[in-house]
């Protein structure tokens, strides 16, 4: 699915979004705010009609004259008051987010900013859908608003409008996820290959959805489309590099990976954030990363145990290190037969794998060094958590690299099948022990 397809989907509601709207009508009052017509001018629903599950059957086969979210209204709806309450609850739950505003005065100021984010009715509908059908997504969006606002406020020249714009970009960055089949997102197995295409395009969908409204300046829509871009060019959907990513885009990009560590019931999120930023210094804005490190440093040390034994973490790290070595041999075997765009793609991936390899060396992950760790690791809580977090992060990085290579290989002309050695490496990475990792 490309950007053109994402834009085209705006006039033809996705089945997932249509179903979510119909389901919302069974939980609260949802009505058509105006008559709904198809693209040929045929009236499908009168204005003021009650929305229920029958909406799906009536509209699923039609291309509409206007986007569906502009034609329906939910009551009650997400507003500034509800956003403030959700943000305050998040700060109570997670000490990291409480640290964004450690005094009563600072907290009140931050909460007021979150409550002031403009919410046109179609945008509020998307937030309603997230809150009712995907509460984890809604919570993630609120955490994003908080952290983006905090990071935007760190600049000496930042204004109140800058901070509100950052909060808006954070809050709305994942609206496109509501247009993806939830069964795909909730699948037990890790997504790969073509099944990841809707996920890769969701920043485009999100940006398109908010770009309709004058309430949000153009930098907000741009930052939303950039929220999975990385300074080293390893992100998506466009693989932007360095200065090609906007200042607000850099804020949202960093906030995305930080807040993702707090999704669901992940263990040791603060430790994972710290490790993530330390081992990926080229991916994120260094000044912004330093601001996150200051927040982490202000937290009391964690006393919770990681969810793994040192022995298992070490075994996983050795297996992951072997997989990186396998990539080196795979690259050397297929490189001489490639030219043009595919050869350039291989060079790019080699650079990323080289970064991972250096990360392991810097962390002391070699067969010799890991083998030298004595029994005292069990009693060293910090070391035990660090080993576990490193294994979790490297596993995610390898899966991400494999998926990225598949996606870019398919998009590179001329069309070229995977060489057998490359296909074997993809299969080997897919067989690695799984752990929860968010693709969005």
Protein backbone atom coordinates (compact mmCIF):
# COMPACT_ATOMS: atom_id res chain seq x y z
CA UNK A 1 0.00 0.00 0.00
CA UNK A 2 1.48 3.37 -1.02
CA UNK A 3 0.70 6.97 -0.12
CA UNK A 4 -1.73 7.35 -3.01
CA UNK A 5 -3.67 4.36 -1.73
CA UNK A 6 -3.80 5.89 1.73
CA UNK A 7 -5.27 9.11 0.35
CA UNK A 8 -7.73 7.19 -1.80
CA UNK A 9 -8.92 5.32 1.29
CA UNK A 10 -10.14 8.63 2.74
CA UNK A 11 -13.15 8.65 0.38
CA UNK A 12 -13.88 4.97 0.92
CA UNK A 13 -13.95 4.22 4.65
CA UNK A 14 -11.81 1.29 5.66
CA UNK A 15 -13.77 -1.71 6.94
CA UNK A 16 -11.97 -1.41 10.29
CA UNK A 17 -12.94 2.25 10.77
CA UNK A 18 -16.51 1.66 9.59
CA UNK A 19 -16.89 -1.28 11.98
CA UNK A 20 -15.47 0.74 14.87
CA UNK A 21 -17.97 3.55 14.26
CA UNK A 22 -20.85 1.07 14.08
CA UNK A 23 -19.72 -0.61 17.30
CA UNK A 24 -19.38 2.75 19.07
CA UNK A 25 -23.07 3.35 18.33
CA UNK A 26 -23.95 0.42 20.60
CA UNK A 27 -22.09 1.98 23.57
CA UNK A 28 -23.04 5.64 23.36
CA UNK A 29 -25.16 8.00 21.29
CA UNK A 30 -23.80 8.31 17.75
CA UNK A 31 -25.85 10.00 15.04
CA UNK A 32 -25.34 11.19 11.49
CA UNK A 33 -24.68 14.93 11.66
CA UNK A 34 -25.79 15.30 8.05
CA UNK A 35 -27.13 13.14 5.25
CA UNK A 36 -24.61 10.64 3.90
CA UNK A 37 -24.34 10.29 0.12
CA UNK A 38 -22.29 7.96 -2.02
CA UNK A 39 -19.97 9.25 -4.73
CA UNK A 40 -22.79 9.05 -7.29
CA UNK A 41 -25.01 11.36 -5.22
CA UNK A 42 -27.36 8.67 -3.91
CA UNK A 43 -28.50 9.31 -0.34
CA UNK A 44 -27.60 6.38 1.91
CA UNK A 45 -28.64 7.77 5.31
CA UNK A 46 -30.65 10.74 6.47
CA UNK A 47 -29.16 13.36 8.76
CA UNK A 48 -29.94 12.71 12.41
CA UNK A 49 -30.13 8.94 11.95
CA UNK A 50 -28.99 6.78 14.85
CA UNK A 51 -25.79 4.87 14.15
CA UNK A 52 -25.80 1.18 15.05
CA UNK A 53 -24.19 -2.03 13.79
CA UNK A 54 -26.38 -1.87 10.70
CA UNK A 55 -24.27 1.08 9.52
CA UNK A 56 -21.54 -1.31 8.44
CA UNK A 57 -23.82 -3.27 6.11
CA UNK A 58 -25.34 -0.11 4.64
CA UNK A 59 -22.05 1.62 3.83
CA UNK A 60 -19.39 -1.05 3.35
CA UNK A 61 -19.86 -1.38 -0.40
CA UNK A 62 -20.04 2.36 -1.10
CA UNK A 63 -17.57 5.09 -1.85
CA UNK A 64 -18.81 8.17 0.01
CA UNK A 65 -19.02 11.74 -1.21
CA UNK A 66 -17.44 12.95 2.06
CA UNK A 67 -15.26 11.23 4.66
CA UNK A 68 -17.37 9.31 7.17
CA UNK A 69 -15.84 11.03 10.21
CA UNK A 70 -17.23 14.35 8.94
CA UNK A 71 -20.77 12.94 8.78
CA UNK A 72 -21.26 11.41 12.23
CA UNK A 73 -21.15 12.75 15.78
CA UNK A 74 -20.68 10.95 19.09
CA UNK A 75 -22.07 12.14 22.40
CA UNK A 76 -20.47 12.45 24.89
CA UNK A 77 -17.21 13.07 23.11
CA UNK A 78 -13.55 13.36 24.01
CA UNK A 79 -12.86 16.95 24.99
CA UNK A 80 -10.25 18.97 26.83
CA UNK A 81 -11.61 18.00 30.22
CA UNK A 82 -11.42 14.29 29.47
CA UNK A 83 -7.91 14.66 28.01
CA UNK A 84 -6.80 16.44 31.15
CA UNK A 85 -8.20 13.64 33.32
CA UNK A 86 -6.50 10.97 31.22
CA UNK A 87 -3.18 12.82 31.31
CA UNK A 88 -3.39 13.27 35.08
CA UNK A 89 -4.17 9.57 35.54
CA UNK A 90 -1.14 8.67 33.41
CA UNK A 91 1.13 10.88 35.51
CA UNK A 92 -0.19 9.20 38.64
CA UNK A 93 0.45 5.73 37.21
CA UNK A 94 3.98 6.16 35.85
CA UNK A 95 6.69 7.98 37.83
CA UNK A 96 8.54 8.78 34.59
CA UNK A 97 5.62 10.87 33.32
CA UNK A 98 5.09 12.46 36.73
CA UNK A 99 8.69 13.65 36.43
CA UNK A 100 7.68 15.76 33.40
CA UNK A 101 6.13 18.21 35.86
CA UNK A 102 7.45 17.48 39.37
CA UNK A 103 5.81 20.47 41.09
CA UNK A 104 2.13 21.26 41.50
CA UNK A 105 2.52 24.48 39.49
CA UNK A 106 4.35 22.74 36.64
CA UNK A 107 1.78 19.94 36.57
CA UNK A 108 -1.13 22.36 36.39
CA UNK A 109 0.55 24.22 33.52
CA UNK A 110 1.20 21.01 31.57
CA UNK A 111 -2.32 19.68 32.11
CA UNK A 112 -3.83 22.96 30.93
CA UNK A 113 -1.75 22.78 27.77
CA UNK A 114 -2.94 19.23 27.07
CA UNK A 115 -6.56 20.28 27.62
CA UNK A 116 -6.14 23.15 25.14
CA UNK A 117 -5.28 20.97 22.14
CA UNK A 118 -7.91 21.77 19.47
CA UNK A 119 -10.27 18.88 18.73
CA UNK A 120 -12.42 19.32 15.61
CA UNK A 121 -15.38 16.94 15.69
CA UNK A 122 -13.89 14.32 13.30
CA UNK A 123 -10.70 14.26 15.36
CA UNK A 124 -12.66 13.89 18.59
CA UNK A 125 -14.50 10.97 16.97
CA UNK A 126 -11.20 9.19 16.29
CA UNK A 127 -10.18 9.67 19.93
CA UNK A 128 -13.58 8.36 21.05
CA UNK A 129 -13.06 5.26 18.93
CA UNK A 130 -9.58 4.72 20.36
CA UNK A 131 -10.81 5.16 23.94
CA UNK A 132 -13.66 2.68 23.45
CA UNK A 133 -12.23 0.07 21.07
CA UNK A 134 -8.45 0.35 21.55
CA UNK A 135 -7.83 1.78 25.04
CA UNK A 136 -4.13 0.97 24.86
CA UNK A 137 -3.84 3.16 21.77
CA UNK A 138 -5.68 5.98 23.54
CA UNK A 139 -3.37 5.78 26.56
CA UNK A 140 -0.33 5.71 24.28
CA UNK A 141 -1.61 8.84 22.52
CA UNK A 142 -2.06 10.67 25.84
CA UNK A 143 1.47 9.71 26.92
CA UNK A 144 2.73 11.01 23.57
CA UNK A 145 0.96 14.33 24.10
CA UNK A 146 2.58 14.70 27.52
CA UNK A 147 6.12 13.84 26.45
CA UNK A 148 6.00 15.82 23.19
CA UNK A 149 4.77 18.89 25.08
CA UNK A 150 7.57 18.51 27.63
CA UNK A 151 10.29 18.09 24.98
CA UNK A 152 9.00 21.04 22.94
CA UNK A 153 9.13 23.20 26.05
CA UNK A 154 12.85 22.51 26.58
CA UNK A 155 13.91 24.90 23.84
CA UNK A 156 14.86 28.39 25.02
CA UNK A 157 12.86 30.02 22.21
CA UNK A 158 9.82 27.77 22.43
CA UNK A 159 6.41 29.43 22.77
CA UNK A 160 3.13 28.23 24.21
CA UNK A 161 1.88 27.63 20.66
CA UNK A 162 4.93 25.44 19.97
CA UNK A 163 4.14 23.31 23.00
CA UNK A 164 0.45 22.97 22.11
CA UNK A 165 1.38 22.01 18.53
CA UNK A 166 3.76 19.36 19.87
CA UNK A 167 1.05 18.01 22.17
CA UNK A 168 -1.35 17.85 19.22
CA UNK A 169 1.17 16.00 17.04
CA UNK A 170 1.78 13.50 19.84
CA UNK A 171 -1.88 13.01 20.63
CA UNK A 172 -2.92 12.47 16.99
CA UNK A 173 0.11 10.71 15.49
CA UNK A 174 -1.55 7.27 15.47
CA UNK A 175 -5.05 8.14 14.23
CA UNK A 176 -4.30 6.06 11.13
CA UNK A 177 -4.06 2.93 13.28
CA UNK A 178 -7.85 3.03 13.66
CA UNK A 179 -8.10 2.35 9.93
CA UNK A 180 -6.21 -0.95 10.23
CA UNK A 181 -7.94 -4.26 10.89
CA UNK A 182 -7.58 -4.81 14.67
CA UNK A 183 -7.32 -8.56 14.07
CA UNK A 184 -4.08 -7.85 12.21
CA UNK A 185 -2.70 -5.69 15.01
CA UNK A 186 -3.76 -8.13 17.73
CA UNK A 187 -2.35 -11.21 16.00
CA UNK A 188 -0.31 -13.40 18.31
CA UNK A 189 2.48 -13.90 15.80
CA UNK A 190 4.95 -11.17 14.85
CA UNK A 191 3.95 -9.45 11.61
CA UNK A 192 6.31 -9.54 8.65
CA UNK A 193 6.38 -9.10 4.88
CA UNK A 194 3.28 -7.77 3.13
CA UNK A 195 1.21 -8.07 6.30
CA UNK A 196 3.15 -5.09 7.65
CA UNK A 197 2.17 -2.79 4.75
CA UNK A 198 -0.85 -1.23 6.52
CA UNK A 199 1.35 -0.50 9.53
CA UNK A 200 4.05 1.12 7.40
CA UNK A 201 1.51 3.44 5.77
CA UNK A 202 -0.33 4.51 8.95
CA UNK A 203 1.78 7.69 9.42
CA UNK A 204 0.58 8.82 5.99
CA UNK A 205 -3.04 8.09 6.90
CA UNK A 206 -2.71 9.91 10.23
CA UNK A 207 -1.17 12.97 8.59
CA UNK A 208 -3.83 13.02 5.88
CA UNK A 209 -6.62 12.86 8.46
CA UNK A 210 -5.46 15.94 10.40
CA UNK A 211 -4.19 17.94 7.42
CA UNK A 212 -7.83 18.73 6.58
CA UNK A 213 -8.17 21.07 9.55
CA UNK A 214 -6.87 24.62 9.84
CA UNK A 215 -6.66 24.08 13.63
CA UNK A 216 -3.32 22.34 13.08
CA UNK A 217 -0.40 24.17 11.43
CA UNK A 218 1.38 22.38 8.58
CA UNK A 219 4.37 21.45 10.79
CA UNK A 220 2.00 19.31 12.89
CA UNK A 221 0.83 17.26 9.90
CA UNK A 222 4.45 16.94 8.75
CA UNK A 223 5.63 15.77 12.17
CA UNK A 224 2.87 13.15 12.27
CA UNK A 225 4.01 11.63 8.97
CA UNK A 226 7.59 11.62 10.33
CA UNK A 227 6.92 9.94 13.68
CA UNK A 228 8.61 6.69 12.63
CA UNK A 229 11.51 8.32 10.76
CA UNK A 230 15.02 8.06 12.22
CA UNK A 231 18.02 10.36 11.79
CA UNK A 232 20.14 7.51 10.39
CA UNK A 233 17.61 6.84 7.60
CA UNK A 234 16.37 3.56 9.05
CA UNK A 235 12.80 4.72 9.61
CA UNK A 236 9.63 4.78 7.53
CA UNK A 237 7.57 5.56 5.48
CA UNK A 238 10.12 7.62 3.50
CA UNK A 239 13.48 6.67 5.01
CA UNK A 240 14.34 10.33 5.68
CA UNK A 241 17.88 11.14 6.76
CA UNK A 242 19.18 13.76 9.19
CA UNK A 243 18.08 17.31 8.47
CA UNK A 244 15.31 16.07 6.19
CA UNK A 245 13.31 15.36 9.38
CA UNK A 246 11.65 18.48 10.79
CA UNK A 247 12.36 19.75 14.32
CA UNK A 248 8.88 18.78 15.50
CA UNK A 249 9.23 15.46 13.66
CA UNK A 250 12.34 14.74 15.71
CA UNK A 251 10.40 15.35 18.91
CA UNK A 252 7.56 13.04 17.92
CA UNK A 253 9.97 10.38 16.61
CA UNK A 254 11.85 10.22 19.91
CA UNK A 255 8.69 10.38 22.00
CA UNK A 256 7.23 7.48 20.00
CA UNK A 257 10.00 5.04 20.92
CA UNK A 258 10.10 6.22 24.55
CA UNK A 259 6.35 5.93 25.16
CA UNK A 260 6.23 2.56 23.36
CA UNK A 261 8.25 1.13 26.23
CA UNK A 262 5.31 1.91 28.55
CA UNK A 263 2.66 0.22 26.37
CA UNK A 264 0.80 -2.69 27.91
CA UNK A 265 2.50 -4.40 30.83
CA UNK A 266 6.12 -4.27 29.69
CA UNK A 267 8.65 -4.89 32.40
CA UNK A 268 11.27 -2.30 33.34
CA UNK A 269 10.20 0.39 30.83
CA UNK A 270 12.63 2.98 32.23
CA UNK A 271 15.57 0.61 31.89
CA UNK A 272 14.57 -0.22 28.33
CA UNK A 273 14.31 3.47 27.44
CA UNK A 274 17.77 4.14 28.87
CA UNK A 275 19.31 1.25 26.97
CA UNK A 276 17.49 2.12 23.74
CA UNK A 277 18.88 5.65 23.71
CA UNK A 278 22.39 4.59 24.70
CA UNK A 279 22.76 1.97 21.98
CA UNK A 280 21.12 4.02 19.20
CA UNK A 281 22.84 7.42 19.47
CA UNK A 282 22.64 8.09 15.71
CA UNK A 283 18.89 7.57 15.42
CA UNK A 284 17.58 10.35 17.65
CA UNK A 285 18.25 14.03 18.22
CA UNK A 286 21.03 14.14 20.85
CA UNK A 287 19.68 17.22 22.67
CA UNK A 288 16.24 15.65 22.97
CA UNK A 289 17.70 12.31 24.04
CA UNK A 290 19.68 14.15 26.73
CA UNK A 291 16.41 15.63 28.02
CA UNK A 292 14.98 12.12 28.37
CA UNK A 293 18.11 10.94 30.16
CA UNK A 294 17.70 13.79 32.66
CA UNK A 295 14.17 12.59 33.38
CA UNK A 296 15.43 9.04 33.91
CA UNK A 297 18.25 10.21 36.17
CA UNK A 298 15.76 11.97 38.45
CA UNK A 299 13.86 8.74 39.12
CA UNK A 300 14.64 6.53 42.12
CA UNK A 301 16.39 3.23 41.22
CA UNK A 302 14.12 0.33 40.37
CA UNK A 303 13.95 -2.55 42.81
CA UNK A 304 11.81 -4.84 40.63
CA UNK A 305 13.29 -7.98 39.13
CA UNK A 306 13.56 -8.41 35.38
CA UNK A 307 11.51 -11.21 33.88
CA UNK A 308 14.43 -13.48 33.05
CA UNK A 309 17.39 -15.23 34.64
CA UNK A 310 20.95 -14.11 33.85
CA UNK A 311 21.65 -17.53 32.32
CA UNK A 312 18.77 -17.24 29.87
CA UNK A 313 19.61 -13.62 29.00
CA UNK A 314 23.22 -14.58 28.28
CA UNK A 315 22.12 -17.52 26.12
CA UNK A 316 19.78 -15.25 24.16
CA UNK A 317 22.50 -12.64 23.65
CA UNK A 318 24.93 -15.25 22.34
CA UNK A 319 22.29 -16.54 19.93
CA UNK A 320 21.55 -13.00 18.74
CA UNK A 321 25.26 -12.28 18.30
CA UNK A 322 25.54 -15.43 16.18
CA UNK A 323 22.67 -14.12 14.05
CA UNK A 324 24.55 -10.90 13.35
CA UNK A 325 27.58 -12.94 12.30
CA UNK A 326 25.29 -14.97 10.05
CA UNK A 327 24.17 -11.72 8.42
CA UNK A 328 27.79 -10.76 7.71
CA UNK A 329 28.37 -14.04 5.90
CA UNK A 330 25.05 -13.73 4.06
CA UNK A 331 25.89 -10.23 2.88
CA UNK A 332 29.32 -11.30 1.68
CA UNK A 333 27.83 -14.20 -0.27
CA UNK A 334 25.10 -12.23 -2.08
CA UNK A 335 26.87 -8.87 -2.49
CA UNK A 336 28.99 -9.69 -5.59
CA UNK A 337 25.89 -10.64 -7.59
CA UNK A 338 24.05 -7.38 -6.85
CA UNK A 339 24.34 -4.01 -8.54
CA UNK A 340 22.51 -0.71 -8.72
CA UNK A 341 19.75 -0.05 -6.20
CA UNK A 342 19.90 -3.51 -4.64
CA UNK A 343 23.64 -3.16 -4.01
CA UNK A 344 23.04 0.25 -2.41
CA UNK A 345 20.31 -1.27 -0.25
CA UNK A 346 22.72 -3.96 0.93
CA UNK A 347 25.29 -1.30 1.85
CA UNK A 348 22.67 0.53 3.91
CA UNK A 349 21.68 -2.61 5.75
CA UNK A 350 25.33 -3.49 6.39
CA UNK A 351 25.76 -0.11 8.06
CA UNK A 352 22.79 -0.79 10.34
CA UNK A 353 24.07 -4.24 11.24
CA UNK A 354 27.49 -2.76 11.87
CA UNK A 355 25.89 -0.40 14.38
CA UNK A 356 24.27 -3.35 16.13
CA UNK A 357 27.57 -5.19 16.19
CA UNK A 358 29.34 -2.21 17.75
CA UNK A 359 26.51 -1.96 20.25
CA UNK A 360 27.24 -5.52 21.36
CA UNK A 361 30.98 -4.97 21.57
CA UNK A 362 30.51 -1.78 23.60
CA UNK A 363 28.16 -3.66 25.93
CA UNK A 364 30.67 -6.48 26.35
CA UNK A 365 28.60 -9.03 24.45
CA UNK A 366 31.13 -11.48 23.09
CA UNK A 367 31.39 -15.18 23.81
CA UNK A 368 34.50 -14.57 25.90
CA UNK A 369 33.17 -11.68 27.94
CA UNK A 370 29.78 -13.21 28.61
CA UNK A 371 31.42 -16.49 29.55
CA UNK A 372 33.58 -14.64 32.08
CA UNK A 373 30.57 -13.37 34.02
CA UNK A 374 30.55 -15.15 37.33
CA UNK A 375 27.84 -16.29 39.70
CA UNK A 376 27.78 -12.82 41.24
CA UNK A 377 25.58 -11.62 38.33
CA UNK A 378 22.58 -13.16 40.06
CA UNK A 379 23.10 -10.85 43.01
CA UNK A 380 23.75 -7.77 40.86
CA UNK A 381 20.25 -6.45 40.13
CA UNK A 382 21.43 -3.70 37.79
CA UNK A 383 23.53 -6.12 35.74
CA UNK A 384 20.74 -8.68 35.59
CA UNK A 385 18.23 -6.09 34.30
CA UNK A 386 20.77 -4.69 31.84
CA UNK A 387 21.40 -8.12 30.30
CA UNK A 388 17.69 -8.79 30.00
CA UNK A 389 16.94 -5.38 28.47
CA UNK A 390 19.83 -5.71 26.02
CA UNK A 391 18.54 -9.09 24.79
CA UNK A 392 15.02 -7.67 24.41
CA UNK A 393 16.24 -4.65 22.45
CA UNK A 394 18.57 -6.58 20.16
CA UNK A 395 15.83 -9.08 19.36
CA UNK A 396 13.51 -6.23 18.38
CA UNK A 397 16.27 -4.58 16.33
CA UNK A 398 16.95 -7.77 14.35
CA UNK A 399 13.28 -8.35 13.57
CA UNK A 400 12.92 -4.70 12.59
CA UNK A 401 15.97 -4.84 10.33
CA UNK A 402 14.71 -7.98 8.60
CA UNK A 403 11.26 -6.47 8.02
CA UNK A 404 12.78 -3.25 6.74
CA UNK A 405 15.00 -5.11 4.29
CA UNK A 406 12.04 -7.15 3.00
CA UNK A 407 9.96 -4.02 2.50
CA UNK A 408 12.68 -2.04 0.72
CA UNK A 409 13.74 -5.02 -1.39
CA UNK A 410 10.19 -5.38 -2.68
CA UNK A 411 9.99 -1.65 -3.47
CA UNK A 412 13.34 -1.58 -5.31
CA UNK A 413 13.42 -1.76 -9.11
CA UNK A 414 14.01 -3.89 -11.03
CA UNK A 415 12.02 -6.62 -9.28
CA UNK A 416 14.40 -9.23 -7.91
CA UNK A 417 13.64 -12.38 -5.94
CA UNK A 418 15.39 -12.93 -2.63
CA UNK A 419 18.64 -14.84 -3.16
CA UNK A 420 18.50 -18.22 -1.35
CA UNK A 421 21.04 -17.12 1.27
CA UNK A 422 18.97 -14.01 2.03
CA UNK A 423 15.75 -16.00 2.25
CA UNK A 424 17.49 -18.37 4.66
CA UNK A 425 18.57 -15.44 6.86
CA UNK A 426 15.02 -14.09 6.93
CA UNK A 427 13.82 -17.52 8.08
CA UNK A 428 16.53 -17.71 10.72
CA UNK A 429 15.58 -14.30 12.18
CA UNK A 430 11.90 -15.28 12.16
CA UNK A 431 12.75 -18.34 14.24
CA UNK A 432 14.32 -16.31 17.04
CA UNK A 433 12.49 -16.46 20.35
CA UNK A 434 9.73 -13.87 20.32
CA UNK A 435 9.00 -11.05 22.70
CA UNK A 436 6.34 -8.32 22.60
CA UNK A 437 7.36 -5.46 20.33
CA UNK A 438 5.11 -2.85 18.82
CA UNK A 439 5.35 -2.18 15.10
CA UNK A 440 3.33 1.14 15.25
